[in-house]
């Protein structure tokens, strides 16, 4: 009978990165309202926008920046951008610009969890107790002792002390970074 492979066989490097990125996006969402799947990250499109802002004419601004000195542009590319009225690179740039203008803003806020309150409600006093609490709360398989020590050191360095009570007023971001680090551990993938 077929089905999902058991154990660690389904874990791939790409999936590990994607799960870590998901945890980061939940804890620290991108404040840019245009999601990456709706944004053209092409350096060429971005360089066209920059050159137009700098005042270049359309033909000059849309010339490929990847053509180096001494290189020759293909005949088809020269014909495609032969004048201001028929410029496919500008058409592509303007198409993306118009699409982005129509994208509705998606409110993105940090996850509605208050790790500082969670830690203080548990009456935890030092960074080792916080890490042990996070492991118990968010993991099914505890990381090894080296990983645990690394997490304790990371949190202690981030808040500048091992004393949680001293850091109560400013530790939220550090707790979120630590939780992201914990959720990026290989053992979390076995949850």
C-alpha atoms as a PDB file:
ATOM      1  CA  UNK A   1       0.000   0.000   0.000  1.00  0.00           C
ATOM      2  CA  UNK A   2       1.472   3.391  -1.028  1.00  0.00           C
ATOM      3  CA  UNK A   3       1.348   6.605   0.939  1.00  0.00           C
ATOM      4  CA  UNK A   4       3.588   9.248   2.444  1.00  0.00           C
ATOM      5  CA  UNK A   5       7.059   8.073   3.269  1.00  0.00           C
ATOM      6  CA  UNK A   6       7.670   8.004   6.998  1.00  0.00           C
ATOM      7  CA  UNK A   7      10.312   9.654   9.147  1.00  0.00           C
ATOM      8  CA  UNK A   8      12.673  12.222   7.685  1.00  0.00           C
ATOM      9  CA  UNK A   9      12.473  11.048   4.059  1.00  0.00           C
ATOM     10  CA  UNK A  10      10.069  13.847   3.030  1.00  0.00           C
ATOM     11  CA  UNK A  11      12.291  16.633   4.357  1.00  0.00           C
ATOM     12  CA  UNK A  12      14.208  18.425   1.609  1.00  0.00           C
ATOM     13  CA  UNK A  13      16.518  21.445   1.867  1.00  0.00           C
ATOM     14  CA  UNK A  14      13.984  23.587   0.004  1.00  0.00           C
ATOM     15  CA  UNK A  15      11.148  22.523   2.297  1.00  0.00           C
ATOM     16  CA  UNK A  16      13.251  23.240   5.375  1.00  0.00           C
ATOM     17  CA  UNK A  17      13.947  26.759   4.110  1.00  0.00           C
ATOM     18  CA  UNK A  18      10.311  27.320   3.190  1.00  0.00           C
ATOM     19  CA  UNK A  19       9.084  26.228   6.624  1.00  0.00           C
ATOM     20  CA  UNK A  20      11.659  28.491   8.286  1.00  0.00           C
ATOM     21  CA  UNK A  21      10.566  31.365   6.062  1.00  0.00           C
ATOM     22  CA  UNK A  22       6.928  30.706   6.951  1.00  0.00           C
ATOM     23  CA  UNK A  23       7.772  30.998  10.658  1.00  0.00           C
ATOM     24  CA  UNK A  24       9.676  34.246   9.970  1.00  0.00           C
ATOM     25  CA  UNK A  25       6.759  35.643   7.964  1.00  0.00           C
ATOM     26  CA  UNK A  26       4.358  34.907  10.823  1.00  0.00           C
ATOM     27  CA  UNK A  27       6.627  36.434  13.465  1.00  0.00           C
ATOM     28  CA  UNK A  28       7.993  39.304  11.329  1.00  0.00           C
ATOM     29  CA  UNK A  29       5.740  39.886   8.294  1.00  0.00           C
ATOM     30  CA  UNK A  30       7.038  42.080   5.522  1.00  0.00           C
ATOM     31  CA  UNK A  31       5.579  45.562   5.926  1.00  0.00           C
ATOM     32  CA  UNK A  32       5.548  46.031   2.159  1.00  0.00           C
ATOM     33  CA  UNK A  33       1.910  45.667   1.147  1.00  0.00           C
ATOM     34  CA  UNK A  34       2.700  44.113  -2.246  1.00  0.00           C
ATOM     35  CA  UNK A  35       3.242  40.379  -1.760  1.00  0.00           C
ATOM     36  CA  UNK A  36       6.298  38.980  -3.507  1.00  0.00           C
ATOM     37  CA  UNK A  37       4.132  36.988  -5.913  1.00  0.00           C
ATOM     38  CA  UNK A  38       2.605  40.253  -7.175  1.00  0.00           C
ATOM     39  CA  UNK A  39       5.813  42.238  -7.491  1.00  0.00           C
ATOM     40  CA  UNK A  40       8.244  42.140 -10.359  1.00  0.00           C
ATOM     41  CA  UNK A  41      11.647  41.704  -8.794  1.00  0.00           C
ATOM     42  CA  UNK A  42      13.389  41.899 -12.153  1.00  0.00           C
ATOM     43  CA  UNK A  43      16.503  44.045 -11.925  1.00  0.00           C
ATOM     44  CA  UNK A  44      15.935  45.093 -15.522  1.00  0.00           C
ATOM     45  CA  UNK A  45      12.435  46.469 -14.767  1.00  0.00           C
ATOM     46  CA  UNK A  46      13.767  48.218 -11.649  1.00  0.00           C
ATOM     47  CA  UNK A  47      16.648  49.755 -13.605  1.00  0.00           C
ATOM     48  CA  UNK A  48      14.199  51.047 -16.263  1.00  0.00           C
ATOM     49  CA  UNK A  49      12.199  52.769 -13.507  1.00  0.00           C
ATOM     50  CA  UNK A  50      15.372  54.291 -12.054  1.00  0.00           C
ATOM     51  CA  UNK A  51      16.593  55.563 -15.446  1.00  0.00           C
ATOM     52  CA  UNK A  52      13.203  57.114 -16.277  1.00  0.00           C
ATOM     53  CA  UNK A  53      13.217  58.890 -12.883  1.00  0.00           C
ATOM     54  CA  UNK A  54      16.704  60.172 -13.711  1.00  0.00           C
ATOM     55  CA  UNK A  55      15.248  61.845 -16.823  1.00  0.00           C
ATOM     56  CA  UNK A  56      16.427  59.577 -19.633  1.00  0.00           C
ATOM     57  CA  UNK A  57      14.232  59.334 -22.723  1.00  0.00           C
ATOM     58  CA  UNK A  58      12.237  56.109 -23.149  1.00  0.00           C
ATOM     59  CA  UNK A  59      14.555  54.581 -25.753  1.00  0.00           C
ATOM     60  CA  UNK A  60      17.684  55.201 -23.667  1.00  0.00           C
ATOM     61  CA  UNK A  61      16.039  54.186 -20.391  1.00  0.00           C
ATOM     62  CA  UNK A  62      14.858  50.873 -21.783  1.00  0.00           C
ATOM     63  CA  UNK A  63      18.150  49.780 -23.311  1.00  0.00           C
ATOM     64  CA  UNK A  64      19.250  46.553 -21.610  1.00  0.00           C
ATOM     65  CA  UNK A  65      21.741  47.291 -18.858  1.00  0.00           C
ATOM     66  CA  UNK A  66      23.242  43.825 -19.312  1.00  0.00           C
ATOM     67  CA  UNK A  67      24.834  44.833 -22.635  1.00  0.00           C
ATOM     68  CA  UNK A  68      28.412  45.623 -21.732  1.00  0.00           C
ATOM     69  CA  UNK A  69      30.907  47.716 -23.627  1.00  0.00           C
ATOM     70  CA  UNK A  70      32.008  46.006 -26.814  1.00  0.00           C
ATOM     71  CA  UNK A  71      28.996  43.679 -26.822  1.00  0.00           C
ATOM     72  CA  UNK A  72      26.455  43.732 -29.627  1.00  0.00           C
ATOM     73  CA  UNK A  73      22.699  43.700 -29.128  1.00  0.00           C
ATOM     74  CA  UNK A  74      20.754  41.125 -31.113  1.00  0.00           C
ATOM     75  CA  UNK A  75      19.017  42.447 -34.239  1.00  0.00           C
ATOM     76  CA  UNK A  76      15.620  41.354 -32.884  1.00  0.00           C
ATOM     77  CA  UNK A  77      16.167  43.411 -29.726  1.00  0.00           C
ATOM     78  CA  UNK A  78      17.164  46.475 -31.743  1.00  0.00           C
ATOM     79  CA  UNK A  79      14.045  46.164 -33.901  1.00  0.00           C
ATOM     80  CA  UNK A  80      11.815  45.578 -30.867  1.00  0.00           C
ATOM     81  CA  UNK A  81      12.798  48.949 -29.432  1.00  0.00           C
ATOM     82  CA  UNK A  82      13.184  50.897 -32.653  1.00  0.00           C
ATOM     83  CA  UNK A  83      11.265  54.010 -31.539  1.00  0.00           C
ATOM     84  CA  UNK A  84       9.248  55.640 -28.772  1.00  0.00           C
ATOM     85  CA  UNK A  85       5.911  54.394 -30.154  1.00  0.00           C
ATOM     86  CA  UNK A  86       6.954  50.763 -30.420  1.00  0.00           C
ATOM     87  CA  UNK A  87       9.094  49.864 -27.426  1.00  0.00           C
ATOM     88  CA  UNK A  88       8.411  46.432 -25.960  1.00  0.00           C
ATOM     89  CA  UNK A  89      10.643  46.949 -22.922  1.00  0.00           C
ATOM     90  CA  UNK A  90       8.700  50.064 -21.986  1.00  0.00           C
ATOM     91  CA  UNK A  91       5.458  48.171 -22.584  1.00  0.00           C
ATOM     92  CA  UNK A  92       6.601  45.486 -20.154  1.00  0.00           C
ATOM     93  CA  UNK A  93       7.693  48.093 -17.611  1.00  0.00           C
ATOM     94  CA  UNK A  94       4.416  50.016 -17.912  1.00  0.00           C
ATOM     95  CA  UNK A  95       2.373  46.804 -17.713  1.00  0.00           C
ATOM     96  CA  UNK A  96       3.976  45.907 -14.381  1.00  0.00           C
ATOM     97  CA  UNK A  97       3.551  49.458 -13.152  1.00  0.00           C
ATOM     98  CA  UNK A  98      -0.172  49.427 -13.994  1.00  0.00           C
ATOM     99  CA  UNK A  99      -0.654  45.997 -12.426  1.00  0.00           C
ATOM    100  CA  UNK A 100       0.969  47.112  -9.167  1.00  0.00           C
ATOM    101  CA  UNK A 101      -1.219  50.229  -9.092  1.00  0.00           C
ATOM    102  CA  UNK A 102      -4.267  47.936  -9.099  1.00  0.00           C
ATOM    103  CA  UNK A 103      -3.050  45.644  -6.339  1.00  0.00           C
ATOM    104  CA  UNK A 104      -5.153  46.150  -3.265  1.00  0.00           C
ATOM    105  CA  UNK A 105      -3.145  46.639  -0.089  1.00  0.00           C
ATOM    106  CA  UNK A 106      -3.119  43.581   2.124  1.00  0.00           C
ATOM    107  CA  UNK A 107      -2.835  44.530   5.784  1.00  0.00           C
ATOM    108  CA  UNK A 108       0.014  42.563   7.254  1.00  0.00           C
ATOM    109  CA  UNK A 109       0.629  42.637  10.964  1.00  0.00           C
ATOM    110  CA  UNK A 110       2.831  40.669  13.256  1.00  0.00           C
ATOM    111  CA  UNK A 111       1.290  37.567  14.742  1.00  0.00           C
ATOM    112  CA  UNK A 112      -1.075  38.365  17.555  1.00  0.00           C
ATOM    113  CA  UNK A 113       0.935  36.724  20.210  1.00  0.00           C
ATOM    114  CA  UNK A 114       2.668  38.496  23.016  1.00  0.00           C
ATOM    115  CA  UNK A 115       5.702  36.401  23.855  1.00  0.00           C
ATOM    116  CA  UNK A 116       6.779  38.814  26.601  1.00  0.00           C
ATOM    117  CA  UNK A 117       3.438  38.402  28.369  1.00  0.00           C
ATOM    118  CA  UNK A 118       3.555  34.648  27.827  1.00  0.00           C
ATOM    119  CA  UNK A 119       6.996  34.487  29.463  1.00  0.00           C
ATOM    120  CA  UNK A 120       6.036  36.793  32.337  1.00  0.00           C
ATOM    121  CA  UNK A 121       2.778  34.903  32.972  1.00  0.00           C
ATOM    122  CA  UNK A 122       4.848  31.746  33.404  1.00  0.00           C
ATOM    123  CA  UNK A 123       7.010  33.627  35.954  1.00  0.00           C
ATOM    124  CA  UNK A 124      10.199  32.699  34.117  1.00  0.00           C
ATOM    125  CA  UNK A 125      13.273  34.427  35.479  1.00  0.00           C
ATOM    126  CA  UNK A 126      16.168  33.606  33.163  1.00  0.00           C
ATOM    127  CA  UNK A 127      16.910  32.846  29.527  1.00  0.00           C
ATOM    128  CA  UNK A 128      17.437  29.113  30.131  1.00  0.00           C
ATOM    129  CA  UNK A 129      13.914  28.850  31.578  1.00  0.00           C
ATOM    130  CA  UNK A 130      12.529  30.746  28.567  1.00  0.00           C
ATOM    131  CA  UNK A 131      14.200  28.387  26.107  1.00  0.00           C
ATOM    132  CA  UNK A 132      12.994  25.340  28.017  1.00  0.00           C
ATOM    133  CA  UNK A 133       9.464  26.793  28.063  1.00  0.00           C
ATOM    134  CA  UNK A 134       9.554  27.532  24.299  1.00  0.00           C
ATOM    135  CA  UNK A 135      10.822  24.011  23.591  1.00  0.00           C
ATOM    136  CA  UNK A 136       8.051  22.479  25.706  1.00  0.00           C
ATOM    137  CA  UNK A 137       5.382  24.743  24.213  1.00  0.00           C
ATOM    138  CA  UNK A 138       6.314  24.753  20.517  1.00  0.00           C
ATOM    139  CA  UNK A 139       8.218  21.521  19.869  1.00  0.00           C
ATOM    140  CA  UNK A 140       7.367  17.846  19.995  1.00  0.00           C
ATOM    141  CA  UNK A 141      10.960  16.718  19.564  1.00  0.00           C
ATOM    142  CA  UNK A 142      13.411  18.664  21.711  1.00  0.00           C
ATOM    143  CA  UNK A 143      16.603  19.885  20.079  1.00  0.00           C
ATOM    144  CA  UNK A 144      19.925  18.532  21.299  1.00  0.00           C
ATOM    145  CA  UNK A 145      21.928  20.056  24.138  1.00  0.00           C
ATOM    146  CA  UNK A 146      24.193  21.996  21.752  1.00  0.00           C
ATOM    147  CA  UNK A 147      21.202  23.592  20.031  1.00  0.00           C
ATOM    148  CA  UNK A 148      19.599  24.370  23.393  1.00  0.00           C
ATOM    149  CA  UNK A 149      22.825  26.047  24.589  1.00  0.00           C
ATOM    150  CA  UNK A 150      23.055  28.022  21.349  1.00  0.00           C
ATOM    151  CA  UNK A 151      19.466  29.253  21.787  1.00  0.00           C
ATOM    152  CA  UNK A 152      20.108  30.291  25.397  1.00  0.00           C
ATOM    153  CA  UNK A 153      23.277  32.160  24.354  1.00  0.00           C
ATOM    154  CA  UNK A 154      21.449  33.792  21.450  1.00  0.00           C
ATOM    155  CA  UNK A 155      18.608  35.085  23.637  1.00  0.00           C
ATOM    156  CA  UNK A 156      21.004  36.218  26.370  1.00  0.00           C
ATOM    157  CA  UNK A 157      23.072  38.170  23.828  1.00  0.00           C
ATOM    158  CA  UNK A 158      19.986  39.669  22.191  1.00  0.00           C
ATOM    159  CA  UNK A 159      18.540  41.036  25.439  1.00  0.00           C
ATOM    160  CA  UNK A 160      21.933  41.774  26.989  1.00  0.00           C
ATOM    161  CA  UNK A 161      21.292  39.762  30.139  1.00  0.00           C
ATOM    162  CA  UNK A 162      20.160  36.371  31.364  1.00  0.00           C
ATOM    163  CA  UNK A 163      17.664  38.038  33.715  1.00  0.00           C
ATOM    164  CA  UNK A 164      14.234  38.117  32.090  1.00  0.00           C
ATOM    165  CA  UNK A 165      12.710  40.515  34.609  1.00  0.00           C
ATOM    166  CA  UNK A 166      15.329  43.162  33.736  1.00  0.00           C
ATOM    167  CA  UNK A 167      14.507  42.828  30.029  1.00  0.00           C
ATOM    168  CA  UNK A 168      10.711  42.733  30.362  1.00  0.00           C
ATOM    169  CA  UNK A 169      10.116  46.128  28.714  1.00  0.00           C
ATOM    170  CA  UNK A 170      12.176  45.489  25.569  1.00  0.00           C
ATOM    171  CA  UNK A 171      12.456  41.737  24.962  1.00  0.00           C
ATOM    172  CA  UNK A 172       9.558  41.091  22.528  1.00  0.00           C
ATOM    173  CA  UNK A 173      11.596  41.334  19.309  1.00  0.00           C
ATOM    174  CA  UNK A 174      14.386  39.250  20.813  1.00  0.00           C
ATOM    175  CA  UNK A 175      11.883  36.604  21.889  1.00  0.00           C
ATOM    176  CA  UNK A 176      10.409  36.555  18.377  1.00  0.00           C
ATOM    177  CA  UNK A 177      13.869  36.143  16.830  1.00  0.00           C
ATOM    178  CA  UNK A 178      14.645  33.349  19.270  1.00  0.00           C
ATOM    179  CA  UNK A 179      11.356  31.602  18.531  1.00  0.00           C
ATOM    180  CA  UNK A 180      12.075  31.871  14.807  1.00  0.00           C
ATOM    181  CA  UNK A 181      15.486  30.327  15.391  1.00  0.00           C
ATOM    182  CA  UNK A 182      13.894  27.537  17.422  1.00  0.00           C
ATOM    183  CA  UNK A 183      11.267  26.895  14.732  1.00  0.00           C
ATOM    184  CA  UNK A 184      14.074  26.697  12.162  1.00  0.00           C
ATOM    185  CA  UNK A 185      15.744  23.796  13.963  1.00  0.00           C
ATOM    186  CA  UNK A 186      15.610  20.393  12.210  1.00  0.00           C
ATOM    187  CA  UNK A 187      13.733  18.914  15.172  1.00  0.00           C
ATOM    188  CA  UNK A 188      10.827  21.294  14.593  1.00  0.00           C
ATOM    189  CA  UNK A 189      10.318  19.691  11.185  1.00  0.00           C
ATOM    190  CA  UNK A 190       9.470  16.437  12.977  1.00  0.00           C
ATOM    191  CA  UNK A 191       6.564  18.020  14.832  1.00  0.00           C
END
